[in-house]
Amino acid sequence: MSISYYDFNNLSKESQIELVMAEGKIIDETIKNNLRFVVYELSSFSVEIVYNIDSNKIAGLSAFPGNGVHGK
């Protein structure tokens, strides 16, 4: 599925998470303290999901236009 950055941002957070989990490709992962930062490539943009390791829950989600976080 191809989706634009604009359309992605208009989805609910729940739908954004579902789409990233189903269609996203992990391109980077970092752990700091009790947080795991995972960057996914999705269509023409990137999405970073922050997981709280202790609670095993999503702590945040950010989308980055273009080639996103890494600028590749």
Protein backbone atom coordinates (compact mmCIF):
# COMPACT_ATOMS: atom_id res chain seq x y z
CA MET A 1 0.00 0.00 0.00
CA SER A 2 1.30 3.43 -0.89
CA ILE A 3 0.20 6.35 1.26
CA SER A 4 1.34 9.95 1.30
CA TYR A 5 2.85 11.65 4.32
CA TYR A 6 -0.17 13.99 4.42
CA ASP A 7 -2.70 11.14 4.31
CA PHE A 8 -0.77 9.21 6.95
CA ASN A 9 -0.90 12.19 9.32
CA ASN A 10 -4.67 12.41 8.85
CA LEU A 11 -5.16 8.85 10.12
CA SER A 12 -5.93 8.15 13.77
CA LYS A 13 -2.92 7.14 15.90
CA GLU A 14 -4.30 3.61 16.07
CA SER A 15 -4.54 3.40 12.27
CA GLN A 16 -1.06 4.87 11.90
CA ILE A 17 0.37 2.22 14.21
CA GLU A 18 -1.49 -0.58 12.42
CA LEU A 19 -0.24 0.61 9.03
CA VAL A 20 3.36 0.91 10.19
CA MET A 21 3.26 -2.58 11.72
CA ALA A 22 1.76 -4.08 8.57
CA GLU A 23 3.66 -2.18 5.87
CA GLY A 24 6.71 -0.57 7.46
CA LYS A 25 10.28 -1.76 6.99
CA ILE A 26 12.60 -1.34 9.98
CA ILE A 27 15.59 0.78 8.98
CA ASP A 28 17.04 1.65 12.40
CA GLU A 29 16.67 0.72 16.05
CA THR A 30 18.21 2.19 19.20
CA ILE A 31 17.71 1.52 22.90
CA LYS A 32 18.25 4.25 25.50
CA ASN A 33 17.37 3.71 29.14
CA ASN A 34 13.97 2.01 29.13
CA LEU A 35 12.97 3.21 25.65
CA ARG A 36 13.38 1.51 22.28
CA PHE A 37 13.36 3.82 19.25
CA VAL A 38 12.46 2.06 16.00
CA VAL A 39 12.49 3.87 12.65
CA TYR A 40 10.37 2.42 9.87
CA GLU A 41 10.40 3.27 6.18
CA LEU A 42 6.90 3.65 4.77
CA SER A 43 6.21 4.81 1.21
CA SER A 44 8.18 8.04 0.78
CA PHE A 45 8.57 8.94 4.45
CA SER A 46 9.79 7.54 7.77
CA VAL A 47 8.01 6.86 11.03
CA GLU A 48 9.65 6.57 14.43
CA ILE A 49 7.85 4.61 17.11
CA VAL A 50 9.10 4.83 20.68
CA TYR A 51 8.39 1.80 22.84
CA ASN A 52 8.54 1.80 26.64
CA ILE A 53 10.36 -1.43 27.40
CA ASP A 54 9.18 -1.61 31.03
CA SER A 55 5.47 -1.28 30.27
CA ASN A 56 5.68 -2.91 26.81
CA LYS A 57 3.61 -0.05 25.37
CA ILE A 58 4.05 2.55 22.67
CA ALA A 59 5.25 5.82 24.20
CA GLY A 60 5.17 7.94 21.04
CA LEU A 61 5.01 8.12 17.27
CA SER A 62 6.48 10.69 14.88
CA ALA A 63 6.38 10.86 11.09
CA PHE A 64 9.08 12.56 9.02
CA PRO A 65 8.45 13.76 5.45
CA GLY A 66 10.62 12.89 2.48
CA ASN A 67 13.36 10.47 3.36
CA GLY A 68 12.74 11.17 7.00
CA VAL A 69 15.03 10.78 9.94
CA HIS A 70 18.05 9.46 8.07
CA GLY A 71 17.82 11.58 4.95
CA LYS A 72 18.74 8.63 2.74
